[in-house]
Amino acid sequence: MSGSWYFNYNGLVGGTESKLDSINGAVLKDSDFSLAFDGLGDAWFHALDSDSGAAESSPDVIAPDNNAANKRWILCGLFTGRFRLLNSFEEAFCIYGNDGLIKEQL
């Protein structure tokens, strides 16, 4: 059975609604995945391990703030400096340089 995807656009920990650790552990299961952005161009890819029980150590291990039991988000990958949230649909059809500026509009 494939897992569910969760997208968080404002970081990993802090317990507020937009953080990865705010997802209620009661709804999480093995093979769930998350992609979290920090707004500065970094993105973290995590997979849920329902019987990990590891101590929280961000960004490597994230524990849900509610109903965690032994469930932990385990870091699978980190992408740095390559993502940005778009302000409009038109920005999706552009080629961006390493400086974050539009080089060509498609």
PDB file of N, CA and C in Angstrom:
ATOM      1  N   MET A   1       0.841  -1.174   0.000  1.00  0.00           N
ATOM      2  CA  MET A   1       0.000   0.000   0.000  1.00  0.00           C
ATOM      3  C   MET A   1       0.887   1.239   0.000  1.00  0.00           C
ATOM      4  N   SER A   2       0.593   2.180  -0.877  1.00  0.00           N
ATOM      5  CA  SER A   2       1.393   3.398  -0.926  1.00  0.00           C
ATOM      6  C   SER A   2       0.951   4.372   0.153  1.00  0.00           C
ATOM      7  N   GLY A   3       1.874   5.233   0.537  1.00  0.00           N
ATOM      8  CA  GLY A   3       1.597   6.192   1.588  1.00  0.00           C
ATOM      9  C   GLY A   3       0.978   7.476   1.059  1.00  0.00           C
ATOM     10  N   SER A   4       0.647   8.337   1.975  1.00  0.00           N
ATOM     11  CA  SER A   4       0.096   9.647   1.643  1.00  0.00           C
ATOM     12  C   SER A   4       1.223  10.668   1.600  1.00  0.00           C
ATOM     13  N   TRP A   5       0.996  11.750   0.880  1.00  0.00           N
ATOM     14  CA  TRP A   5       1.953  12.852   0.814  1.00  0.00           C
ATOM     15  C   TRP A   5       1.450  14.016   1.636  1.00  0.00           C
ATOM     16  N   TYR A   6       2.348  14.633   2.378  1.00  0.00           N
ATOM     17  CA  TYR A   6       2.043  15.834   3.147  1.00  0.00           C
ATOM     18  C   TYR A   6       3.016  16.919   2.728  1.00  0.00           C
ATOM     19  N   PHE A   7       2.498  18.105   2.477  1.00  0.00           N
ATOM     20  CA  PHE A   7       3.338  19.216   2.069  1.00  0.00           C
ATOM     21  C   PHE A   7       3.240  20.322   3.109  1.00  0.00           C
ATOM     22  N   ASN A   8       4.378  20.757   3.598  1.00  0.00           N
ATOM     23  CA  ASN A   8       4.441  21.822   4.596  1.00  0.00           C
ATOM     24  C   ASN A   8       5.339  22.914   4.052  1.00  0.00           C
ATOM     25  N   TYR A   9       4.866  24.135   4.125  1.00  0.00           N
ATOM     26  CA  TYR A   9       5.564  25.217   3.459  1.00  0.00           C
ATOM     27  C   TYR A   9       6.279  26.168   4.396  1.00  0.00           C
ATOM     28  N   ASN A  10       6.398  25.779   5.652  1.00  0.00           N
ATOM     29  CA  ASN A  10       6.978  26.748   6.588  1.00  0.00           C
ATOM     30  C   ASN A  10       7.880  26.079   7.609  1.00  0.00           C
ATOM     31  N   GLY A  11       8.653  25.100   7.200  1.00  0.00           N
ATOM     32  CA  GLY A  11       9.641  24.522   8.099  1.00  0.00           C
ATOM     33  C   GLY A  11       9.247  23.209   8.737  1.00  0.00           C
ATOM     34  N   LEU A  12      10.060  22.793   9.695  1.00  0.00           N
ATOM     35  CA  LEU A  12       9.953  21.451  10.257  1.00  0.00           C
ATOM     36  C   LEU A  12       9.359  21.405  11.660  1.00  0.00           C
ATOM     37  N   VAL A  13       9.841  22.224  12.568  1.00  0.00           N
ATOM     38  CA  VAL A  13       9.405  22.135  13.965  1.00  0.00           C
ATOM     39  C   VAL A  13       8.916  23.478  14.483  1.00  0.00           C
ATOM     40  N   GLY A  14       8.153  23.410  15.529  1.00  0.00           N
ATOM     41  CA  GLY A  14       7.612  24.613  16.144  1.00  0.00           C
ATOM     42  C   GLY A  14       6.167  24.438  16.570  1.00  0.00           C
ATOM     43  N   GLY A  15       5.526  23.377  16.058  1.00  0.00           N
ATOM     44  CA  GLY A  15       4.175  23.047  16.489  1.00  0.00           C
ATOM     45  C   GLY A  15       3.068  23.877  15.879  1.00  0.00           C
ATOM     46  N   THR A  16       3.416  24.942  15.152  1.00  0.00           N
ATOM     47  CA  THR A  16       2.356  25.736  14.532  1.00  0.00           C
ATOM     48  C   THR A  16       1.800  24.983  13.333  1.00  0.00           C
ATOM     49  N   GLU A  17       0.639  25.399  12.871  1.00  0.00           N
ATOM     50  CA  GLU A  17      -0.114  24.667  11.853  1.00  0.00           C
ATOM     51  C   GLU A  17       0.674  24.348  10.593  1.00  0.00           C
ATOM     52  N   SER A  18       1.600  25.170  10.202  1.00  0.00           N
ATOM     53  CA  SER A  18       2.302  24.966   8.944  1.00  0.00           C
ATOM     54  C   SER A  18       3.625  24.205   9.079  1.00  0.00           C
ATOM     55  N   LYS A  19       3.938  23.701  10.252  1.00  0.00           N
ATOM     56  CA  LYS A  19       5.187  22.961  10.477  1.00  0.00           C
ATOM     57  C   LYS A  19       4.959  21.457  10.341  1.00  0.00           C
ATOM     58  N   LEU A  20       6.007  20.721   9.982  1.00  0.00           N
ATOM     59  CA  LEU A  20       5.907  19.273   9.821  1.00  0.00           C
ATOM     60  C   LEU A  20       5.466  18.587  11.110  1.00  0.00           C
ATOM     61  N   ASP A  21       5.969  19.038  12.258  1.00  0.00           N
ATOM     62  CA  ASP A  21       5.618  18.362  13.518  1.00  0.00           C
ATOM     63  C   ASP A  21       4.183  18.614  13.972  1.00  0.00           C
ATOM     64  N   SER A  22       3.442  19.480  13.242  1.00  0.00           N
ATOM     65  CA  SER A  22       2.048  19.747  13.621  1.00  0.00           C
ATOM     66  C   SER A  22       1.071  18.715  13.081  1.00  0.00           C
ATOM     67  N   ILE A  23       1.507  17.847  12.168  1.00  0.00           N
ATOM     68  CA  ILE A  23       0.610  16.816  11.638  1.00  0.00           C
ATOM     69  C   ILE A  23       0.348  15.795  12.736  1.00  0.00           C
ATOM     70  N   ASN A  24      -0.920  15.581  13.042  1.00  0.00           N
ATOM     71  CA  ASN A  24      -1.320  14.683  14.124  1.00  0.00           C
ATOM     72  C   ASN A  24      -0.851  13.255  13.838  1.00  0.00           C
ATOM     73  N   GLY A  25      -0.098  12.678  14.774  1.00  0.00           N
ATOM     74  CA  GLY A  25       0.415  11.330  14.610  1.00  0.00           C
ATOM     75  C   GLY A  25      -0.669  10.282  14.432  1.00  0.00           C
ATOM     76  N   ALA A  26      -1.883  10.552  14.896  1.00  0.00           N
ATOM     77  CA  ALA A  26      -2.983   9.590  14.784  1.00  0.00           C
ATOM     78  C   ALA A  26      -3.347   9.300  13.330  1.00  0.00           C
ATOM     79  N   VAL A  27      -3.090  10.233  12.413  1.00  0.00           N
ATOM     80  CA  VAL A  27      -3.458  10.022  11.007  1.00  0.00           C
ATOM     81  C   VAL A  27      -2.282   9.511  10.173  1.00  0.00           C
ATOM     82  N   LEU A  28      -1.099   9.401  10.766  1.00  0.00           N
ATOM     83  CA  LEU A  28       0.100   9.007  10.027  1.00  0.00           C
ATOM     84  C   LEU A  28       0.311   7.507  10.052  1.00  0.00           C
ATOM     85  N   LYS A  29       0.909   6.987   8.954  1.00  0.00           N
ATOM     86  CA  LYS A  29       1.210   5.557   8.866  1.00  0.00           C
ATOM     87  C   LYS A  29       2.538   5.352   8.132  1.00  0.00           C
ATOM     88  N   ASP A  30       3.099   4.163   8.286  1.00  0.00           N
ATOM     89  CA  ASP A  30       4.326   3.831   7.553  1.00  0.00           C
ATOM     90  C   ASP A  30       4.162   4.163   6.084  1.00  0.00           C
ATOM     91  N   SER A  31       5.210   4.621   5.475  1.00  0.00           N
ATOM     92  CA  SER A  31       5.262   4.955   4.056  1.00  0.00           C
ATOM     93  C   SER A  31       4.598   6.278   3.709  1.00  0.00           C
ATOM     94  N   ASP A  32       4.204   7.067   4.698  1.00  0.00           N
ATOM     95  CA  ASP A  32       3.781   8.437   4.412  1.00  0.00           C
ATOM     96  C   ASP A  32       5.038   9.246   4.116  1.00  0.00           C
ATOM     97  N   PHE A  33       4.897  10.267   3.300  1.00  0.00           N
ATOM     98  CA  PHE A  33       6.020  11.099   2.908  1.00  0.00           C
ATOM     99  C   PHE A  33       5.686  12.564   3.122  1.00  0.00           C
ATOM    100  N   SER A  34       6.707  13.369   3.297  1.00  0.00           N
ATOM    101  CA  SER A  34       6.512  14.802   3.449  1.00  0.00           C
ATOM    102  C   SER A  34       7.592  15.560   2.705  1.00  0.00           C
ATOM    103  N   LEU A  35       7.186  16.682   2.138  1.00  0.00           N
ATOM    104  CA  LEU A  35       8.114  17.617   1.528  1.00  0.00           C
ATOM    105  C   LEU A  35       7.879  18.950   2.210  1.00  0.00           C
ATOM    106  N   ALA A  36       8.899  19.455   2.895  1.00  0.00           N
ATOM    107  CA  ALA A  36       8.781  20.704   3.661  1.00  0.00           C
ATOM    108  C   ALA A  36       9.742  21.736   3.095  1.00  0.00           C
ATOM    109  N   PHE A  37       9.282  22.975   3.004  1.00  0.00           N
ATOM    110  CA  PHE A  37      10.076  24.084   2.488  1.00  0.00           C
ATOM    111  C   PHE A  37      10.331  25.085   3.600  1.00  0.00           C
ATOM    112  N   ASP A  38      11.453  25.794   3.507  1.00  0.00           N
ATOM    113  CA  ASP A  38      11.727  26.818   4.517  1.00  0.00           C
ATOM    114  C   ASP A  38      11.534  28.230   3.993  1.00  0.00           C
ATOM    115  N   GLY A  39      11.188  28.386   2.722  1.00  0.00           N
ATOM    116  CA  GLY A  39      10.994  29.710   2.153  1.00  0.00           C
ATOM    117  C   GLY A  39      12.286  30.389   1.725  1.00  0.00           C
ATOM    118  N   LEU A  40      13.422  29.771   1.992  1.00  0.00           N
ATOM    119  CA  LEU A  40      14.723  30.336   1.623  1.00  0.00           C
ATOM    120  C   LEU A  40      15.389  29.534   0.512  1.00  0.00           C
ATOM    121  N   GLY A  41      14.652  28.582  -0.053  1.00  0.00           N
ATOM    122  CA  GLY A  41      15.185  27.777  -1.138  1.00  0.00           C
ATOM    123  C   GLY A  41      15.543  26.361  -0.749  1.00  0.00           C
ATOM    124  N   ASP A  42      15.437  26.004   0.528  1.00  0.00           N
ATOM    125  CA  ASP A  42      15.754  24.649   0.968  1.00  0.00           C
ATOM    126  C   ASP A  42      14.480  23.822   1.102  1.00  0.00           C
ATOM    127  N   ALA A  43      14.593  22.528   0.821  1.00  0.00           N
ATOM    128  CA  ALA A  43      13.463  21.610   0.943  1.00  0.00           C
ATOM    129  C   ALA A  43      13.951  20.300   1.552  1.00  0.00           C
ATOM    130  N   TRP A  44      13.139  19.713   2.440  1.00  0.00           N
ATOM    131  CA  TRP A  44      13.472  18.457   3.101  1.00  0.00           C
ATOM    132  C   TRP A  44      12.448  17.402   2.723  1.00  0.00           C
ATOM    133  N   PHE A  45      12.934  16.212   2.404  1.00  0.00           N
ATOM    134  CA  PHE A  45      12.080  15.077   2.076  1.00  0.00           C
ATOM    135  C   PHE A  45      12.191  14.074   3.227  1.00  0.00           C
ATOM    136  N   HIS A  46      11.061  13.761   3.874  1.00  0.00           N
ATOM    137  CA  HIS A  46      11.026  12.819   4.994  1.00  0.00           C
ATOM    138  C   HIS A  46      10.083  11.660   4.705  1.00  0.00           C
ATOM    139  N   ALA A  47      10.377  10.495   5.269  1.00  0.00           N
ATOM    140  CA  ALA A  47       9.482   9.337   5.237  1.00  0.00           C
ATOM    141  C   ALA A  47       9.130   8.989   6.677  1.00  0.00           C
ATOM    142  N   LEU A  48       7.900   8.549   6.873  1.00  0.00           N
ATOM    143  CA  LEU A  48       7.459   8.208   8.225  1.00  0.00           C
ATOM    144  C   LEU A  48       7.827   6.768   8.578  1.00  0.00           C
ATOM    145  N   ASP A  49       8.427   6.599   9.751  1.00  0.00           N
ATOM    146  CA  ASP A  49       8.713   5.276  10.319  1.00  0.00           C
ATOM    147  C   ASP A  49       7.838   5.155  11.558  1.00  0.00           C
ATOM    148  N   SER A  50       6.846   4.272  11.509  1.00  0.00           N
ATOM    149  CA  SER A  50       5.845   4.202  12.580  1.00  0.00           C
ATOM    150  C   SER A  50       6.345   3.543  13.857  1.00  0.00           C
ATOM    151  N   ASP A  51       7.487   2.866  13.810  1.00  0.00           N
ATOM    152  CA  ASP A  51       7.982   2.222  15.030  1.00  0.00           C
ATOM    153  C   ASP A  51       9.406   2.642  15.379  1.00  0.00           C
ATOM    154  N   SER A  52       9.831   3.818  14.923  1.00  0.00           N
ATOM    155  CA  SER A  52      11.185   4.301  15.159  1.00  0.00           C
ATOM    156  C   SER A  52      11.443   4.595  16.635  1.00  0.00           C
ATOM    157  N   GLY A  53      10.687   5.502  17.199  1.00  0.00           N
ATOM    158  CA  GLY A  53      10.885   5.892  18.595  1.00  0.00           C
ATOM    159  C   GLY A  53      12.161   6.678  18.853  1.00  0.00           C
ATOM    160  N   ALA A  54      12.872   7.075  17.803  1.00  0.00           N
ATOM    161  CA  ALA A  54      14.137   7.812  17.975  1.00  0.00           C
ATOM    162  C   ALA A  54      13.888   9.179  18.606  1.00  0.00           C
ATOM    163  N   ALA A  55      14.889   9.689  19.290  1.00  0.00           N
ATOM    164  CA  ALA A  55      14.800  11.024  19.880  1.00  0.00           C
ATOM    165  C   ALA A  55      14.763  12.067  18.762  1.00  0.00           C
ATOM    166  N   GLU A  56      13.940  13.094  18.937  1.00  0.00           N
ATOM    167  CA  GLU A  56      13.847  14.140  17.928  1.00  0.00           C
ATOM    168  C   GLU A  56      15.176  14.890  17.815  1.00  0.00           C
ATOM    169  N   SER A  57      15.602  15.081  16.584  1.00  0.00           N
ATOM    170  CA  SER A  57      16.832  15.800  16.288  1.00  0.00           C
ATOM    171  C   SER A  57      16.684  16.410  14.896  1.00  0.00           C
ATOM    172  N   SER A  58      16.104  17.604  14.844  1.00  0.00           N
ATOM    173  CA  SER A  58      15.810  18.255  13.568  1.00  0.00           C
ATOM    174  C   SER A  58      17.113  18.628  12.850  1.00  0.00           C
ATOM    175  N   PRO A  59      17.209  18.397  11.568  1.00  0.00           N
ATOM    176  CA  PRO A  59      16.174  17.957  10.640  1.00  0.00           C
ATOM    177  C   PRO A  59      16.137  16.455  10.416  1.00  0.00           C
ATOM    178  N   ASP A  60      17.029  15.691  11.062  1.00  0.00           N
ATOM    179  CA  ASP A  60      17.141  14.255  10.793  1.00  0.00           C
ATOM    180  C   ASP A  60      15.952  13.439  11.281  1.00  0.00           C
ATOM    181  N   VAL A  61      15.442  13.760  12.448  1.00  0.00           N
ATOM    182  CA  VAL A  61      14.315  13.026  13.040  1.00  0.00           C
ATOM    183  C   VAL A  61      13.327  14.047  13.591  1.00  0.00           C
ATOM    184  N   ILE A  62      12.073  13.963  13.128  1.00  0.00           N
ATOM    185  CA  ILE A  62      11.018  14.868  13.584  1.00  0.00           C
ATOM    186  C   ILE A  62       9.896  14.032  14.203  1.00  0.00           C
ATOM    187  N   ALA A  63       9.514  14.369  15.428  1.00  0.00           N
ATOM    188  CA  ALA A  63       8.417  13.689  16.108  1.00  0.00           C
ATOM    189  C   ALA A  63       7.161  14.548  16.031  1.00  0.00           C
ATOM    190  N   PRO A  64       6.018  13.951  15.685  1.00  0.00           N
ATOM    191  CA  PRO A  64       4.770  14.715  15.729  1.00  0.00           C
ATOM    192  C   PRO A  64       4.532  15.234  17.149  1.00  0.00           C
ATOM    193  N   ASP A  65       3.986  16.449  17.266  1.00  0.00           N
ATOM    194  CA  ASP A  65       3.717  17.022  18.588  1.00  0.00           C
ATOM    195  C   ASP A  65       2.545  16.360  19.292  1.00  0.00           C
ATOM    196  N   ASN A  66       1.608  15.786  18.525  1.00  0.00           N
ATOM    197  CA  ASN A  66       0.426  15.154  19.118  1.00  0.00           C
ATOM    198  C   ASN A  66       0.293  13.709  18.647  1.00  0.00           C
ATOM    199  N   ASN A  67       0.028  12.818  19.597  1.00  0.00           N
ATOM    200  CA  ASN A  67      -0.204  11.394  19.315  1.00  0.00           C
ATOM    201  C   ASN A  67       0.947  10.747  18.546  1.00  0.00           C
ATOM    202  N   ALA A  68       2.163  11.070  18.926  1.00  0.00           N
ATOM    203  CA  ALA A  68       3.338  10.565  18.202  1.00  0.00           C
ATOM    204  C   ALA A  68       3.580   9.080  18.421  1.00  0.00           C
ATOM    205  N   ALA A  69       3.367   8.592  19.661  1.00  0.00           N
ATOM    206  CA  ALA A  69       3.775   7.224  20.013  1.00  0.00           C
ATOM    207  C   ALA A  69       5.226   7.051  19.544  1.00  0.00           C
ATOM    208  N   ASN A  70       5.519   6.036  18.723  1.00  0.00           N
ATOM    209  CA  ASN A  70       6.879   5.828  18.211  1.00  0.00           C
ATOM    210  C   ASN A  70       7.067   6.358  16.790  1.00  0.00           C
ATOM    211  N   LYS A  71       6.071   7.055  16.264  1.00  0.00           N
ATOM    212  CA  LYS A  71       6.140   7.552  14.891  1.00  0.00           C
ATOM    213  C   LYS A  71       7.132   8.705  14.790  1.00  0.00           C
ATOM    214  N   ARG A  72       7.996   8.622  13.745  1.00  0.00           N
ATOM    215  CA  ARG A  72       8.978   9.664  13.503  1.00  0.00           C
ATOM    216  C   ARG A  72       9.135   9.901  12.013  1.00  0.00           C
ATOM    217  N   TRP A  73       9.290  11.155  11.641  1.00  0.00           N
ATOM    218  CA  TRP A  73       9.658  11.522  10.278  1.00  0.00           C
ATOM    219  C   TRP A  73      11.178  11.396  10.179  1.00  0.00           C
ATOM    220  N   ILE A  74      11.669  10.586   9.247  1.00  0.00           N
ATOM    221  CA  ILE A  74      13.098  10.341   9.062  1.00  0.00           C
ATOM    222  C   ILE A  74      13.556  11.042   7.772  1.00  0.00           C
ATOM    223  N   LEU A  75      14.598  11.863   7.882  1.00  0.00           N
ATOM    224  CA  LEU A  75      15.097  12.604   6.728  1.00  0.00           C
ATOM    225  C   LEU A  75      15.624  11.657   5.658  1.00  0.00           C
ATOM    226  N   CYS A  76      15.151  11.841   4.433  1.00  0.00           N
ATOM    227  CA  CYS A  76      15.620  11.046   3.292  1.00  0.00           C
ATOM    228  C   CYS A  76      16.462  11.870   2.330  1.00  0.00           C
ATOM    229  N   GLY A  77      16.225  13.175   2.312  1.00  0.00           N
ATOM    230  CA  GLY A  77      16.972  14.018   1.391  1.00  0.00           C
ATOM    231  C   GLY A  77      16.789  15.486   1.709  1.00  0.00           C
ATOM    232  N   LEU A  78      17.792  16.267   1.369  1.00  0.00           N
ATOM    233  CA  LEU A  78      17.771  17.711   1.558  1.00  0.00           C
ATOM    234  C   LEU A  78      18.212  18.349   0.252  1.00  0.00           C
ATOM    235  N   PHE A  79      17.439  19.312  -0.200  1.00  0.00           N
ATOM    236  CA  PHE A  79      17.769  20.045  -1.405  1.00  0.00           C
ATOM    237  C   PHE A  79      17.986  21.494  -1.001  1.00  0.00           C
ATOM    238  N   THR A  80      19.144  22.042  -1.288  1.00  0.00           N
ATOM    239  CA  THR A  80      19.446  23.400  -0.817  1.00  0.00           C
ATOM    240  C   THR A  80      19.502  24.392  -1.961  1.00  0.00           C
ATOM    241  N   GLY A  81      18.913  25.545  -1.714  1.00  0.00           N
ATOM    242  CA  GLY A  81      19.016  26.667  -2.618  1.00  0.00           C
ATOM    243  C   GLY A  81      18.386  26.509  -3.982  1.00  0.00           C
ATOM    244  N   ARG A  82      17.494  25.545  -4.167  1.00  0.00           N
ATOM    245  CA  ARG A  82      16.948  25.288  -5.495  1.00  0.00           C
ATOM    246  C   ARG A  82      15.442  25.523  -5.610  1.00  0.00           C
ATOM    247  N   PHE A  83      14.773  25.814  -4.521  1.00  0.00           N
ATOM    248  CA  PHE A  83      13.318  25.948  -4.554  1.00  0.00           C
ATOM    249  C   PHE A  83      12.903  27.349  -4.156  1.00  0.00           C
ATOM    250  N   ARG A  84      11.826  27.796  -4.741  1.00  0.00           N
ATOM    251  CA  ARG A  84      11.229  29.042  -4.301  1.00  0.00           C
ATOM    252  C   ARG A  84       9.727  28.950  -4.541  1.00  0.00           C
ATOM    253  N   LEU A  85       8.954  29.555  -3.678  1.00  0.00           N
ATOM    254  CA  LEU A  85       7.513  29.587  -3.851  1.00  0.00           C
ATOM    255  C   LEU A  85       7.195  30.683  -4.856  1.00  0.00           C
ATOM    256  N   LEU A  86       6.323  30.365  -5.793  1.00  0.00           N
ATOM    257  CA  LEU A  86       6.019  31.289  -6.870  1.00  0.00           C
ATOM    258  C   LEU A  86       4.914  32.253  -6.479  1.00  0.00           C
ATOM    259  N   ASN A  87       4.997  33.455  -7.004  1.00  0.00           N
ATOM    260  CA  ASN A  87       3.988  34.471  -6.744  1.00  0.00           C
ATOM    261  C   ASN A  87       2.828  34.403  -7.718  1.00  0.00           C
ATOM    262  N   SER A  88       3.039  33.759  -8.861  1.00  0.00           N
ATOM    263  CA  SER A  88       1.973  33.681  -9.853  1.00  0.00           C
ATOM    264  C   SER A  88       2.160  32.447 -10.715  1.00  0.00           C
ATOM    265  N   PHE A  89       1.101  32.078 -11.415  1.00  0.00           N
ATOM    266  CA  PHE A  89       1.146  30.930 -12.317  1.00  0.00           C
ATOM    267  C   PHE A  89       2.171  31.163 -13.426  1.00  0.00           C
ATOM    268  N   GLU A  90       2.284  32.402 -13.899  1.00  0.00           N
ATOM    269  CA  GLU A  90       3.196  32.715 -14.985  1.00  0.00           C
ATOM    270  C   GLU A  90       4.652  32.428 -14.602  1.00  0.00           C
ATOM    271  N   GLU A  91       5.004  32.601 -13.322  1.00  0.00           N
ATOM    272  CA  GLU A  91       6.380  32.360 -12.885  1.00  0.00           C
ATOM    273  C   GLU A  91       6.781  30.896 -13.013  1.00  0.00           C
ATOM    274  N   ALA A  92       5.797  29.996 -13.111  1.00  0.00           N
ATOM    275  CA  ALA A  92       6.102  28.569 -13.242  1.00  0.00           C
ATOM    276  C   ALA A  92       6.708  28.256 -14.607  1.00  0.00           C
ATOM    277  N   PHE A  93       6.510  29.153 -15.584  1.00  0.00           N
ATOM    278  CA  PHE A  93       6.990  28.912 -16.929  1.00  0.00           C
ATOM    279  C   PHE A  93       8.213  29.767 -17.243  1.00  0.00           C
ATOM    280  N   CYS A  94       9.178  29.716 -16.350  1.00  0.00           N
ATOM    281  CA  CYS A  94      10.407  30.491 -16.495  1.00  0.00           C
ATOM    282  C   CYS A  94      11.611  29.615 -16.185  1.00  0.00           C
ATOM    283  N   ILE A  95      12.730  29.990 -16.737  1.00  0.00           N
ATOM    284  CA  ILE A  95      13.999  29.366 -16.383  1.00  0.00           C
ATOM    285  C   ILE A  95      14.711  30.329 -15.439  1.00  0.00           C
ATOM    286  N   TYR A  96      15.129  29.799 -14.291  1.00  0.00           N
ATOM    287  CA  TYR A  96      15.767  30.626 -13.261  1.00  0.00           C
ATOM    288  C   TYR A  96      17.253  30.318 -13.181  1.00  0.00           C
ATOM    289  N   GLY A  97      18.030  31.339 -12.936  1.00  0.00           N
ATOM    290  CA  GLY A  97      19.463  31.161 -12.715  1.00  0.00           C
ATOM    291  C   GLY A  97      19.750  30.838 -11.262  1.00  0.00           C
ATOM    292  N   ASN A  98      21.011  30.528 -10.957  1.00  0.00           N
ATOM    293  CA  ASN A  98      21.405  30.221  -9.578  1.00  0.00           C
ATOM    294  C   ASN A  98      21.209  31.396  -8.637  1.00  0.00           C
ATOM    295  N   ASP A  99      21.114  32.600  -9.197  1.00  0.00           N
ATOM    296  CA  ASP A  99      20.880  33.776  -8.371  1.00  0.00           C
ATOM    297  C   ASP A  99      19.393  33.991  -8.053  1.00  0.00           C
ATOM    298  N   GLY A 100      18.527  33.107  -8.587  1.00  0.00           N
ATOM    299  CA  GLY A 100      17.098  33.189  -8.324  1.00  0.00           C
ATOM    300  C   GLY A 100      16.355  34.122  -9.248  1.00  0.00           C
ATOM    301  N   LEU A 101      17.057  34.770 -10.161  1.00  0.00           N
ATOM    302  CA  LEU A 101      16.417  35.699 -11.081  1.00  0.00           C
ATOM    303  C   LEU A 101      15.979  34.977 -12.356  1.00  0.00           C
ATOM    304  N   ILE A 102      14.907  35.480 -12.973  1.00  0.00           N
ATOM    305  CA  ILE A 102      14.403  34.890 -14.211  1.00  0.00           C
ATOM    306  C   ILE A 102      15.406  35.156 -15.326  1.00  0.00           C
ATOM    307  N   LYS A 103      15.835  34.078 -15.999  1.00  0.00           N
ATOM    308  CA  LYS A 103      16.765  34.191 -17.125  1.00  0.00           C
ATOM    309  C   LYS A 103      16.007  34.167 -18.445  1.00  0.00           C
ATOM    310  N   GLU A 104      14.903  33.419 -18.496  1.00  0.00           N
ATOM    311  CA  GLU A 104      14.135  33.285 -19.721  1.00  0.00           C
ATOM    312  C   GLU A 104      12.696  32.910 -19.371  1.00  0.00           C
ATOM    313  N   GLN A 105      11.735  33.556 -20.022  1.00  0.00           N
ATOM    314  CA  GLN A 105      10.334  33.193 -19.823  1.00  0.00           C
ATOM    315  C   GLN A 105       9.902  32.338 -20.999  1.00  0.00           C
ATOM    316  N   LEU A 106       9.289  31.209 -20.702  1.00  0.00           N
ATOM    317  CA  LEU A 106       8.886  30.268 -21.750  1.00  0.00           C
ATOM    318  C   LEU A 106       7.527  30.613 -22.311  1.00  0.00           C
TER     319      LEU A 106
END
